Amino acid sequence: MAKDMSQPFESAAIPIINDRAQIDAVREQLVDILERFGYGKSSAFAIRLAVEEALNNAFTHGHRDLPSDEPVTIQYHVCPDEVRIVVADGGPGFDPDAIPDPTLDENLEIPSGRGLLLMRAYMRSVEFNAVGNVVQMVYRRPPDDASDP
């Protein structure tokens, strides 16, 4: 599929609750946009996984003590060569530097930190606000990335 250059970018800000159907719908909406911009399957996989992990962390950790209908906001901005995603929750936040490295031998049995590790592995940058309840991720399209015929 060729890049859609009729519009230089596509953006949205969407509040969603912890409902699998809503999460899947937003994720698939983003994948559809990536396809229109000609991103390949490996790029779509990386972005979809990072979004899934960011939303899972927001609902599981950030909203742990909040009502189930409290929304998380996901914002995305897709350009031909870059994707920016922001996930904001209403929780108290956390210190990302305090999360143990899940690849160290002493942490292999500890379940925390894997989502953050995956986000950092697939995205060019992963940054948190000072409170730790907003994450901004940036994906830069690799030069050899192209959608499959």
Protein backbone atom coordinates (compact mmCIF):
# COMPACT_ATOMS: atom_id res chain seq x y z
CA MET A 1 0.00 0.00 0.00
CA ALA A 2 1.34 3.41 -0.92
CA LYS A 3 1.75 6.21 1.56
CA ASP A 4 -1.27 8.49 1.88
CA MET A 5 0.25 11.91 1.31
CA SER A 6 -3.08 13.73 0.91
CA GLN A 7 -2.86 14.60 4.60
CA PRO A 8 0.61 15.05 6.15
CA PHE A 9 -0.47 13.65 9.51
CA GLU A 10 -3.36 12.18 11.44
CA SER A 11 -3.99 12.88 15.13
CA ALA A 12 -6.55 12.04 17.77
CA ALA A 13 -7.05 12.13 21.54
CA ILE A 14 -9.36 9.40 22.78
CA PRO A 15 -10.54 8.74 26.34
CA ILE A 16 -11.14 5.02 26.95
CA ILE A 17 -12.15 2.94 29.94
CA ASN A 18 -10.68 -0.43 30.86
CA ASP A 19 -12.83 -2.34 28.41
CA ARG A 20 -11.22 -4.84 26.02
CA ALA A 21 -13.48 -3.81 23.13
CA GLN A 22 -12.56 -0.12 23.52
CA ILE A 23 -8.85 -0.90 23.83
CA ASP A 24 -8.92 -3.15 20.77
CA ALA A 25 -10.88 -0.58 18.76
CA VAL A 26 -8.35 2.19 19.46
CA ARG A 27 -5.43 -0.10 18.75
CA GLU A 28 -6.96 -1.24 15.44
CA GLN A 29 -7.80 2.36 14.49
CA LEU A 30 -4.14 3.21 14.95
CA VAL A 31 -3.02 0.17 12.91
CA ASP A 32 -5.39 1.20 10.09
CA ILE A 33 -3.80 4.65 10.05
CA LEU A 34 -0.32 3.12 9.98
CA GLU A 35 -1.34 1.03 6.97
CA ARG A 36 -2.67 4.12 5.17
CA PHE A 37 0.68 5.81 5.75
CA GLY A 38 2.46 2.75 4.35
CA TYR A 39 4.07 1.47 7.55
CA GLY A 40 5.09 -2.18 7.30
CA LYS A 41 3.93 -5.06 9.44
CA SER A 42 6.97 -4.98 11.71
CA SER A 43 6.40 -1.29 12.48
CA ALA A 44 2.70 -1.89 13.12
CA PHE A 45 3.58 -4.79 15.43
CA ALA A 46 6.06 -2.68 17.41
CA ILE A 47 3.64 0.22 17.83
CA ARG A 48 0.68 -2.02 18.65
CA LEU A 49 2.70 -3.85 21.32
CA ALA A 50 3.98 -0.63 22.90
CA VAL A 51 0.45 0.81 23.00
CA GLU A 52 -0.90 -2.40 24.56
CA GLU A 53 1.78 -2.29 27.27
CA ALA A 54 1.29 1.42 27.98
CA LEU A 55 -2.48 1.00 28.30
CA ASN A 56 -2.10 -2.13 30.41
CA ASN A 57 0.25 -0.28 32.78
CA ALA A 58 -2.11 2.72 32.97
CA PHE A 59 -5.12 0.59 33.87
CA THR A 60 -3.35 -2.02 36.03
CA HIS A 61 -1.07 0.28 38.00
CA GLY A 62 -2.18 3.88 37.46
CA HIS A 63 -5.88 3.21 37.93
CA ARG A 64 -5.56 0.45 40.52
CA ASP A 65 -7.40 2.51 43.16
CA LEU A 66 -9.71 4.46 40.84
CA PRO A 67 -13.28 3.66 39.74
CA SER A 68 -13.49 1.23 36.82
CA ASP A 69 -15.16 3.86 34.63
CA GLU A 70 -12.29 6.36 35.08
CA PRO A 71 -10.87 6.89 31.57
CA VAL A 72 -7.30 6.83 30.39
CA THR A 73 -6.50 9.13 27.48
CA ILE A 74 -4.50 7.97 24.50
CA GLN A 75 -3.28 10.53 22.00
CA TYR A 76 -1.54 9.73 18.77
CA HIS A 77 0.04 11.74 16.01
CA VAL A 78 1.01 9.74 12.93
CA CYS A 79 3.24 11.25 10.23
CA PRO A 80 4.87 9.50 7.27
CA ASP A 81 8.14 9.02 9.19
CA GLU A 82 7.21 9.21 12.88
CA VAL A 83 4.51 8.22 15.33
CA ARG A 84 4.02 9.92 18.71
CA ILE A 85 1.80 8.31 21.31
CA VAL A 86 0.85 9.71 24.70
CA VAL A 87 -0.99 7.69 27.34
CA ALA A 88 -2.18 9.60 30.41
CA ASP A 89 -3.86 8.09 33.44
CA GLY A 90 -5.37 9.68 36.53
CA GLY A 91 -3.27 7.75 39.02
CA PRO A 92 -0.60 8.99 41.42
CA GLY A 93 2.22 8.11 39.04
CA PHE A 94 5.47 6.28 39.66
CA ASP A 95 9.23 6.60 39.29
CA PRO A 96 10.23 4.63 36.17
CA ASP A 97 13.86 4.56 37.34
CA ALA A 98 12.76 2.61 40.44
CA ILE A 99 11.46 -0.31 38.37
CA PRO A 100 13.91 -3.22 38.58
CA ASP A 101 15.55 -4.38 35.34
CA PRO A 102 13.65 -7.61 34.52
CA THR A 103 16.62 -8.98 32.55
CA LEU A 104 18.92 -9.19 35.58
CA ASP A 105 19.24 -12.65 37.11
CA GLU A 106 17.94 -11.50 40.51
CA ASN A 107 14.77 -10.10 38.87
CA LEU A 108 13.87 -12.91 36.46
CA GLU A 109 11.15 -14.20 38.80
CA ILE A 110 9.70 -10.73 39.45
CA PRO A 111 6.78 -10.01 37.09
CA SER A 112 7.13 -6.21 37.05
CA GLY A 113 9.05 -4.17 34.54
CA ARG A 114 8.49 -6.29 31.44
CA GLY A 115 5.97 -3.94 29.82
CA LEU A 116 8.29 -0.97 30.27
CA LEU A 117 11.16 -3.04 28.86
CA LEU A 118 9.11 -3.89 25.75
CA MET A 119 8.03 -0.27 25.27
CA ARG A 120 11.66 0.86 25.43
CA ALA A 121 12.79 -1.94 23.10
CA TYR A 122 10.32 -1.10 20.32
CA MET A 123 10.09 2.68 20.52
CA ARG A 124 12.78 5.25 19.74
CA SER A 125 12.07 7.05 22.99
CA VAL A 126 9.89 6.51 26.06
CA GLU A 127 9.59 9.44 28.45
CA PHE A 128 7.44 10.07 31.51
CA ASN A 129 6.24 13.32 33.01
CA ALA A 130 7.61 14.32 36.41
CA VAL A 131 4.72 12.66 38.25
CA GLY A 132 4.95 9.44 36.24
CA ASN A 133 1.33 9.20 35.10
CA VAL A 134 1.89 10.30 31.50
CA VAL A 135 4.11 8.42 29.07
CA GLN A 136 5.13 9.76 25.67
CA MET A 137 6.52 7.28 23.17
CA VAL A 138 8.08 8.06 19.81
CA TYR A 139 8.52 5.57 16.97
CA ARG A 140 10.67 6.56 14.00
CA ARG A 141 10.05 4.66 10.82
CA PRO A 142 13.12 2.66 9.71
CA PRO A 143 14.39 3.55 6.21
CA ASP A 144 13.70 0.04 4.88
CA ASP A 145 10.15 -0.12 6.30
CA ALA A 146 7.42 -0.60 3.75
CA SER A 147 3.98 -2.11 3.80
CA ASP A 148 3.68 -5.57 2.34
CA PRO A 149 2.07 -5.87 -1.09
